[in-house]
Amino acid sequence: MAAMKFPDLQVNYADGKKLKLPISSNGDMVDAERASIPKASLLCLSFRANSQAMIDSWAGPFVDAYSNSKDAQLYEVSFIDSWFLCLNPIKQLLLWTTKKPNYGGQDALQKQMVYSFGDHYYFRKELKILNLLTGYIFLLDKFGRIRWQGSGLATQEELSSLLSCTSLLLEEN
């Protein structure tokens, strides 16, 4: 069975910069561009604030394990679907108030907080996300394909599996 490609998702950083996830290679890039493509990306999806503890249970061990890897990336994506919060002046104010101080560590891997605004019904449908009260985790390869996924609070067995799969992706050429 072929790995499913993660659907494209437009996100915003707190400073207003936009980004399209996943960051992936399409096979016809020059070497300089290819070097900036991560070999493994962990996308942590949160649709409600109460799922943050679930996201942290996955993200913390991932950061601990790969803090020195320049080939791994971690994105925490918060989905905001309230029509009021999606209005441009409110959205800008919300992004401005969520600005966090820069991470002071020297680690190669840094947790990147991004936000996605609007209706995500078709995005959720494509990934078969039904419960908005839980956190969802997707490990992607350099081509943006889903190589591992989980949800809820991380168990020790699931973390071991995630970290093992990530290590395999990082070893690939």
Protein backbone atom coordinates (compact mmCIF):
# COMPACT_ATOMS: atom_id res chain seq x y z
CA MET A 1 0.00 0.00 0.00
CA ALA A 2 1.39 3.42 -0.99
CA ALA A 3 1.75 6.11 1.64
CA MET A 4 -0.88 8.86 1.45
CA LYS A 5 0.28 12.42 0.71
CA PHE A 6 -0.54 14.91 3.45
CA PRO A 7 -3.00 17.49 2.05
CA ASP A 8 -1.70 21.01 1.43
CA LEU A 9 -2.43 23.39 4.27
CA GLN A 10 -1.95 27.17 4.36
CA VAL A 11 -0.78 28.34 7.80
CA ASN A 12 0.31 31.60 9.43
CA TYR A 13 3.13 32.27 11.85
CA ALA A 14 2.36 34.62 14.74
CA ASP A 15 4.24 37.40 12.92
CA GLY A 16 1.81 37.08 9.98
CA LYS A 17 4.14 35.24 7.58
CA LYS A 18 2.43 32.54 5.55
CA LEU A 19 3.63 29.01 4.88
CA LYS A 20 2.30 26.04 2.94
CA LEU A 21 2.62 22.70 4.68
CA PRO A 22 3.94 20.14 4.10
CA ILE A 23 7.38 21.34 3.08
CA SER A 24 8.32 18.64 0.62
CA SER A 25 10.35 17.79 -2.45
CA ASN A 26 8.65 17.18 -5.77
CA GLY A 27 11.70 15.47 -7.26
CA ASP A 28 12.79 18.19 -9.74
CA MET A 29 14.47 20.63 -7.36
CA VAL A 30 18.05 21.86 -7.55
CA ASP A 31 20.48 20.70 -4.86
CA ALA A 32 20.35 23.99 -2.89
CA GLU A 33 16.57 23.76 -2.56
CA ARG A 34 16.69 20.05 -1.77
CA ALA A 35 19.05 20.71 1.17
CA SER A 36 16.38 22.80 2.92
CA ILE A 37 13.73 20.05 2.70
CA PRO A 38 13.47 18.16 6.01
CA LYS A 39 13.82 14.38 5.88
CA ALA A 40 11.22 14.06 8.65
CA SER A 41 8.50 16.49 9.76
CA LEU A 42 6.20 15.98 12.73
CA LEU A 43 2.93 17.85 12.34
CA CYS A 44 0.89 18.13 15.53
CA LEU A 45 -2.70 19.18 14.83
CA SER A 46 -4.89 20.76 17.48
CA PHE A 47 -8.49 21.80 16.86
CA ARG A 48 -9.33 22.79 20.45
CA ALA A 49 -7.23 24.16 23.31
CA ASN A 50 -7.93 21.14 25.53
CA SER A 51 -5.85 18.93 23.21
CA GLN A 52 -2.62 20.82 24.00
CA ALA A 53 -1.56 18.33 26.70
CA MET A 54 -1.95 15.55 24.14
CA ILE A 55 0.21 17.42 21.64
CA ASP A 56 2.84 18.07 24.31
CA SER A 57 2.99 14.35 25.16
CA TRP A 58 4.22 13.71 21.59
CA ALA A 59 6.19 16.88 20.87
CA GLY A 60 8.29 16.87 24.05
CA PRO A 61 9.94 13.47 23.50
CA PHE A 62 10.36 14.24 19.77
CA VAL A 63 12.23 17.47 20.56
CA ASP A 64 14.31 15.69 23.21
CA ALA A 65 15.30 12.93 20.78
CA TYR A 66 16.05 15.08 17.73
CA SER A 67 17.08 18.44 19.19
CA ASN A 68 20.39 18.32 17.31
CA SER A 69 18.99 17.22 13.96
CA LYS A 70 18.83 19.76 11.15
CA ASP A 71 16.91 17.21 9.04
CA ALA A 72 13.85 17.08 11.33
CA GLN A 73 11.13 19.69 11.80
CA LEU A 74 8.24 20.02 14.22
CA TYR A 75 5.12 22.09 13.56
CA GLU A 76 2.31 22.59 16.04
CA VAL A 77 -0.73 23.65 14.02
CA SER A 78 -3.67 25.27 15.84
CA PHE A 79 -6.87 25.32 13.81
CA ILE A 80 -9.14 28.31 14.30
CA ASP A 81 -12.54 27.84 12.72
CA SER A 82 -14.65 30.49 14.46
CA TRP A 83 -15.96 32.89 11.81
CA PHE A 84 -15.43 35.82 14.20
CA LEU A 85 -11.78 34.95 14.86
CA CYS A 86 -11.22 34.55 11.10
CA LEU A 87 -12.21 38.17 10.38
CA ASN A 88 -9.06 39.98 9.26
CA PRO A 89 -8.74 42.61 12.05
CA ILE A 90 -9.54 40.01 14.72
CA LYS A 91 -7.22 37.46 13.08
CA GLN A 92 -4.35 40.00 13.04
CA LEU A 93 -4.97 40.87 16.69
CA LEU A 94 -5.06 37.19 17.62
CA LEU A 95 -1.78 36.52 15.81
CA TRP A 96 -0.20 39.55 17.45
CA THR A 97 -1.24 38.43 20.95
CA THR A 98 0.08 34.90 20.39
CA LYS A 99 3.62 36.04 19.59
CA LYS A 100 5.96 34.14 21.83
CA PRO A 101 9.53 35.10 22.70
CA ASN A 102 12.21 33.53 20.51
CA TYR A 103 13.49 30.18 21.66
CA GLY A 104 16.81 30.76 23.39
CA GLY A 105 18.38 27.34 22.85
CA GLN A 106 20.95 26.39 20.26
CA ASP A 107 19.10 23.25 19.16
CA ALA A 108 18.78 22.61 15.43
CA LEU A 109 15.18 21.42 15.91
CA GLN A 110 12.76 24.02 17.15
CA LYS A 111 9.05 23.79 17.78
CA GLN A 112 7.28 26.04 15.28
CA MET A 113 3.82 27.28 16.25
CA VAL A 114 1.56 28.03 13.29
CA TYR A 115 -2.14 28.76 12.88
CA SER A 116 -4.69 27.86 10.24
CA PHE A 117 -7.85 29.93 9.92
CA GLY A 118 -11.18 29.04 8.34
CA ASP A 119 -13.32 26.01 7.60
CA HIS A 120 -11.26 22.80 7.63
CA TYR A 121 -14.04 20.33 6.88
CA TYR A 122 -12.53 18.93 3.66
CA PHE A 123 -9.02 18.88 5.14
CA ARG A 124 -10.30 16.89 8.14
CA LYS A 125 -12.35 14.63 5.88
CA GLU A 126 -9.29 13.78 3.77
CA LEU A 127 -7.33 12.79 6.89
CA LYS A 128 -10.36 11.06 8.46
CA ILE A 129 -10.28 13.33 11.51
CA LEU A 130 -13.59 13.01 13.32
CA ASN A 131 -12.96 14.01 16.93
CA LEU A 132 -11.99 17.68 17.27
CA LEU A 133 -11.30 17.30 21.00
CA THR A 134 -8.17 15.20 20.52
CA GLY A 135 -4.74 15.99 19.14
CA TYR A 136 -3.48 14.33 15.95
CA ILE A 137 0.12 13.60 15.04
CA PHE A 138 1.48 12.96 11.53
CA LEU A 139 5.08 12.07 10.69
CA LEU A 140 5.88 13.03 7.10
CA ASP A 141 8.81 12.08 4.89
CA LYS A 142 10.67 14.49 2.58
CA PHE A 143 8.01 13.97 -0.12
CA GLY A 144 5.15 14.99 2.21
CA ARG A 145 3.84 11.44 2.56
CA ILE A 146 2.36 10.26 5.85
CA ARG A 147 4.71 7.63 7.27
CA TRP A 148 3.26 7.40 10.79
CA GLN A 149 0.25 8.81 12.62
CA GLY A 150 -1.20 8.87 16.10
CA SER A 151 -3.76 10.65 18.23
CA GLY A 152 -4.65 11.37 21.85
CA LEU A 153 -2.11 11.07 24.64
CA ALA A 154 1.12 9.31 23.68
CA THR A 155 1.84 5.93 25.23
CA GLN A 156 5.40 4.70 25.72
CA GLU A 157 4.90 2.07 23.00
CA GLU A 158 3.59 4.65 20.51
CA LEU A 159 6.46 7.04 21.27
CA SER A 160 8.96 4.26 20.72
CA SER A 161 7.36 3.48 17.36
CA LEU A 162 7.29 7.16 16.33
CA LEU A 163 10.93 7.73 17.27
CA SER A 164 12.01 4.53 15.52
CA CYS A 165 10.21 5.52 12.31
CA THR A 166 11.70 9.03 12.51
CA SER A 167 15.20 7.60 12.87
CA LEU A 168 14.66 5.46 9.76
CA LEU A 169 13.53 8.52 7.78
CA LEU A 170 16.56 10.52 8.93
CA GLU A 171 18.91 7.74 7.78
CA GLU A 172 17.48 7.72 4.23
CA ASN A 173 19.33 9.54 1.44
